[in-house]
C-alpha atoms as a PDB file:
ATOM      1  CA  UNK A   1      83.737 -36.498   5.102  1.00  0.00           C
ATOM      2  CA  UNK A   2      81.090 -37.654   2.645  1.00  0.00           C
ATOM      3  CA  UNK A   3      79.047 -34.439   2.960  1.00  0.00           C
ATOM      4  CA  UNK A   4      81.983 -32.232   2.010  1.00  0.00           C
ATOM      5  CA  UNK A   5      82.588 -34.307  -1.126  1.00  0.00           C
ATOM      6  CA  UNK A   6      78.911 -34.134  -2.084  1.00  0.00           C
ATOM      7  CA  UNK A   7      78.845 -30.379  -1.454  1.00  0.00           C
ATOM      8  CA  UNK A   8      81.995 -29.862  -3.535  1.00  0.00           C
ATOM      9  CA  UNK A   9      80.589 -31.929  -6.393  1.00  0.00           C
ATOM     10  CA  UNK A  10      77.280 -30.060  -6.368  1.00  0.00           C
ATOM     11  CA  UNK A  11      79.040 -26.686  -6.383  1.00  0.00           C
ATOM     12  CA  UNK A  12      81.264 -27.827  -9.231  1.00  0.00           C
ATOM     13  CA  UNK A  13      78.275 -29.168 -11.188  1.00  0.00           C
ATOM     14  CA  UNK A  14      76.387 -25.924 -10.628  1.00  0.00           C
ATOM     15  CA  UNK A  15      79.330 -23.886 -11.880  1.00  0.00           C
ATOM     16  CA  UNK A  16      79.677 -26.094 -14.945  1.00  0.00           C
ATOM     17  CA  UNK A  17      75.972 -25.667 -15.714  1.00  0.00           C
ATOM     18  CA  UNK A  18      76.201 -21.897 -15.246  1.00  0.00           C
ATOM     19  CA  UNK A  19      79.247 -21.651 -17.520  1.00  0.00           C
ATOM     20  CA  UNK A  20      77.533 -23.811 -20.134  1.00  0.00           C
ATOM     21  CA  UNK A  21      74.414 -21.648 -19.900  1.00  0.00           C
ATOM     22  CA  UNK A  22      76.518 -18.503 -20.285  1.00  0.00           C
ATOM     23  CA  UNK A  23      78.254 -19.955 -23.317  1.00  0.00           C
ATOM     24  CA  UNK A  24      74.909 -21.048 -24.788  1.00  0.00           C
ATOM     25  CA  UNK A  25      73.456 -17.561 -24.342  1.00  0.00           C
ATOM     26  CA  UNK A  26      76.497 -16.033 -26.042  1.00  0.00           C
ATOM     27  CA  UNK A  27      76.466 -18.635 -28.828  1.00  0.00           C
ATOM     28  CA  UNK A  28      72.768 -18.112 -29.567  1.00  0.00           C
ATOM     29  CA  UNK A  29      73.239 -14.339 -29.716  1.00  0.00           C
ATOM     30  CA  UNK A  30      76.319 -14.699 -31.908  1.00  0.00           C
ATOM     31  CA  UNK A  31      74.544 -17.119 -34.249  1.00  0.00           C
ATOM     32  CA  UNK A  32      71.602 -14.718 -34.514  1.00  0.00           C
ATOM     33  CA  UNK A  33      73.863 -11.752 -35.298  1.00  0.00           C
ATOM     34  CA  UNK A  34      75.874 -13.784 -37.818  1.00  0.00           C
ATOM     35  CA  UNK A  35      72.819 -15.123 -39.657  1.00  0.00           C
ATOM     36  CA  UNK A  36      71.052 -11.765 -39.606  1.00  0.00           C
ATOM     37  CA  UNK A  37      74.123 -10.057 -41.072  1.00  0.00           C
ATOM     38  CA  UNK A  38      74.274 -12.660 -43.850  1.00  0.00           C
ATOM     39  CA  UNK A  39      70.560 -12.199 -44.503  1.00  0.00           C
ATOM     40  CA  UNK A  40      70.962  -8.421 -44.678  1.00  0.00           C
ATOM     41  CA  UNK A  41      73.921  -8.685 -47.061  1.00  0.00           C
ATOM     42  CA  UNK A  42      72.042 -11.013 -49.411  1.00  0.00           C
ATOM     43  CA  UNK A  43      69.658  -8.179 -50.368  1.00  0.00           C
ATOM     44  CA  UNK A  44      67.285 -10.542 -52.177  1.00  0.00           C
ATOM     45  CA  UNK A  45      64.590  -9.561 -49.723  1.00  0.00           C
ATOM     46  CA  UNK A  46      64.402  -5.854 -50.674  1.00  0.00           C
ATOM     47  CA  UNK A  47      61.872  -6.294 -53.467  1.00  0.00           C
ATOM     48  CA  UNK A  48      59.251  -8.198 -51.493  1.00  0.00           C
ATOM     49  CA  UNK A  49      59.936  -6.664 -48.080  1.00  0.00           C
ATOM     50  CA  UNK A  50      59.091  -3.156 -49.226  1.00  0.00           C
ATOM     51  CA  UNK A  51      55.808  -4.346 -50.736  1.00  0.00           C
ATOM     52  CA  UNK A  52      54.865  -6.634 -47.856  1.00  0.00           C
ATOM     53  CA  UNK A  53      54.929  -4.070 -45.071  1.00  0.00           C
ATOM     54  CA  UNK A  54      55.849  -4.706 -41.448  1.00  0.00           C
ATOM     55  CA  UNK A  55      55.069  -8.406 -41.431  1.00  0.00           C
ATOM     56  CA  UNK A  56      57.364  -9.069 -44.372  1.00  0.00           C
ATOM     57  CA  UNK A  57      60.143  -7.093 -42.671  1.00  0.00           C
ATOM     58  CA  UNK A  58      59.921  -8.795 -39.260  1.00  0.00           C
ATOM     59  CA  UNK A  59      59.071 -12.396 -40.156  1.00  0.00           C
ATOM     60  CA  UNK A  60      62.590 -13.370 -41.298  1.00  0.00           C
ATOM     61  CA  UNK A  61      64.114 -11.723 -38.222  1.00  0.00           C
ATOM     62  CA  UNK A  62      61.793 -13.677 -35.931  1.00  0.00           C
ATOM     63  CA  UNK A  63      62.508 -16.933 -37.788  1.00  0.00           C
ATOM     64  CA  UNK A  64      66.279 -16.378 -37.651  1.00  0.00           C
ATOM     65  CA  UNK A  65      66.111 -15.582 -33.920  1.00  0.00           C
ATOM     66  CA  UNK A  66      63.984 -18.635 -33.154  1.00  0.00           C
ATOM     67  CA  UNK A  67      66.117 -21.004 -35.214  1.00  0.00           C
ATOM     68  CA  UNK A  68      69.314 -19.673 -33.617  1.00  0.00           C
ATOM     69  CA  UNK A  69      67.929 -20.412 -30.179  1.00  0.00           C
ATOM     70  CA  UNK A  70      66.469 -23.739 -31.251  1.00  0.00           C
ATOM     71  CA  UNK A  71      69.764 -25.045 -32.620  1.00  0.00           C
ATOM     72  CA  UNK A  72      71.677 -24.006 -29.494  1.00  0.00           C
ATOM     73  CA  UNK A  73      68.941 -25.535 -27.339  1.00  0.00           C
ATOM     74  CA  UNK A  74      69.157 -28.837 -29.198  1.00  0.00           C
ATOM     75  CA  UNK A  75      72.924 -28.855 -28.663  1.00  0.00           C
ATOM     76  CA  UNK A  76      72.328 -28.237 -24.947  1.00  0.00           C
ATOM     77  CA  UNK A  77      69.775 -31.030 -24.891  1.00  0.00           C
ATOM     78  CA  UNK A  78      72.239 -33.540 -26.247  1.00  0.00           C
ATOM     79  CA  UNK A  79      75.120 -32.303 -24.080  1.00  0.00           C
ATOM     80  CA  UNK A  80      73.198 -32.185 -20.764  1.00  0.00           C
ATOM     81  CA  UNK A  81      70.641 -34.962 -21.077  1.00  0.00           C
ATOM     82  CA  UNK A  82      69.169 -34.884 -17.562  1.00  0.00           C
ATOM     83  CA  UNK A  83      69.816 -31.226 -16.776  1.00  0.00           C
ATOM     84  CA  UNK A  84      69.209 -29.768 -20.226  1.00  0.00           C
ATOM     85  CA  UNK A  85      66.096 -27.814 -19.307  1.00  0.00           C
ATOM     86  CA  UNK A  86      67.763 -26.402 -16.220  1.00  0.00           C
ATOM     87  CA  UNK A  87      70.770 -25.204 -18.230  1.00  0.00           C
ATOM     88  CA  UNK A  88      68.477 -23.863 -20.959  1.00  0.00           C
ATOM     89  CA  UNK A  89      66.398 -21.955 -18.408  1.00  0.00           C
ATOM     90  CA  UNK A  90      69.528 -20.364 -16.937  1.00  0.00           C
ATOM     91  CA  UNK A  91      70.651 -19.504 -20.461  1.00  0.00           C
ATOM     92  CA  UNK A  92      67.269 -17.946 -21.231  1.00  0.00           C
ATOM     93  CA  UNK A  93      67.382 -15.812 -18.094  1.00  0.00           C
ATOM     94  CA  UNK A  94      70.913 -14.663 -18.940  1.00  0.00           C
ATOM     95  CA  UNK A  95      69.740 -13.902 -22.465  1.00  0.00           C
ATOM     96  CA  UNK A  96      66.921 -11.710 -21.147  1.00  0.00           C
ATOM     97  CA  UNK A  97      69.186  -9.922 -18.652  1.00  0.00           C
ATOM     98  CA  UNK A  98      71.599  -9.030 -21.433  1.00  0.00           C
ATOM     99  CA  UNK A  99      68.637  -7.947 -23.574  1.00  0.00           C
ATOM    100  CA  UNK A 100      67.468  -5.482 -20.950  1.00  0.00           C
ATOM    101  CA  UNK A 101      70.962  -3.999 -20.755  1.00  0.00           C
ATOM    102  CA  UNK A 102      71.519  -3.783 -24.524  1.00  0.00           C
ATOM    103  CA  UNK A 103      67.973  -2.988 -25.622  1.00  0.00           C
ATOM    104  CA  UNK A 104      67.402  -6.003 -27.897  1.00  0.00           C
ATOM    105  CA  UNK A 105      64.519  -7.387 -25.872  1.00  0.00           C
ATOM    106  CA  UNK A 106      62.349  -8.692 -28.734  1.00  0.00           C
ATOM    107  CA  UNK A 107      64.975 -10.809 -30.451  1.00  0.00           C
ATOM    108  CA  UNK A 108      66.416 -12.028 -27.146  1.00  0.00           C
ATOM    109  CA  UNK A 109      63.010 -13.160 -25.934  1.00  0.00           C
ATOM    110  CA  UNK A 110      62.519 -15.166 -29.116  1.00  0.00           C
ATOM    111  CA  UNK A 111      66.023 -16.639 -28.840  1.00  0.00           C
ATOM    112  CA  UNK A 112      65.321 -17.573 -25.198  1.00  0.00           C
ATOM    113  CA  UNK A 113      62.121 -19.388 -26.182  1.00  0.00           C
ATOM    114  CA  UNK A 114      64.014 -21.217 -28.915  1.00  0.00           C
ATOM    115  CA  UNK A 115      66.740 -22.322 -26.482  1.00  0.00           C
ATOM    116  CA  UNK A 116      64.242 -23.754 -23.996  1.00  0.00           C
ATOM    117  CA  UNK A 117      62.177 -25.507 -26.664  1.00  0.00           C
ATOM    118  CA  UNK A 118      65.318 -26.806 -28.326  1.00  0.00           C
ATOM    119  CA  UNK A 119      66.535 -28.313 -25.052  1.00  0.00           C
ATOM    120  CA  UNK A 120      63.214 -30.123 -24.760  1.00  0.00           C
ATOM    121  CA  UNK A 121      63.525 -31.805 -28.176  1.00  0.00           C
ATOM    122  CA  UNK A 122      66.222 -34.414 -27.310  1.00  0.00           C
ATOM    123  CA  UNK A 123      64.313 -35.291 -24.154  1.00  0.00           C
ATOM    124  CA  UNK A 124      61.242 -36.086 -26.248  1.00  0.00           C
ATOM    125  CA  UNK A 125      63.308 -37.997 -28.808  1.00  0.00           C
ATOM    126  CA  UNK A 126      64.802 -40.247 -26.142  1.00  0.00           C
ATOM    127  CA  UNK A 127      61.306 -41.180 -24.877  1.00  0.00           C
ATOM    128  CA  UNK A 128      59.998 -42.040 -28.340  1.00  0.00           C
END
């Protein structure tokens, strides 16, 4: 009787973590797309981006992708204290799977790194 309850709880917990990881992957991608669209519409970057070359064009995109993942990772870290890195790792894998399908592998890889590092931040803050 006890083993069936433990098994049911572990399956339920695993499903909750997977759903949270799926939502985190979607939220990080949505935040990246939203912020990148706002950055593109601002158009203040046109003057220095054309003079700066490739680095000036890609640096803001990389920063926006990393910060999107970092913020979602920090939210995961506070929501799932003990299992934050596990949920963040699942989210990162889902992010990379979607990236392979859609073709946005560079930004998704940076978002995935941000999510995992962001989930690690609350763990370090609680030890300090």
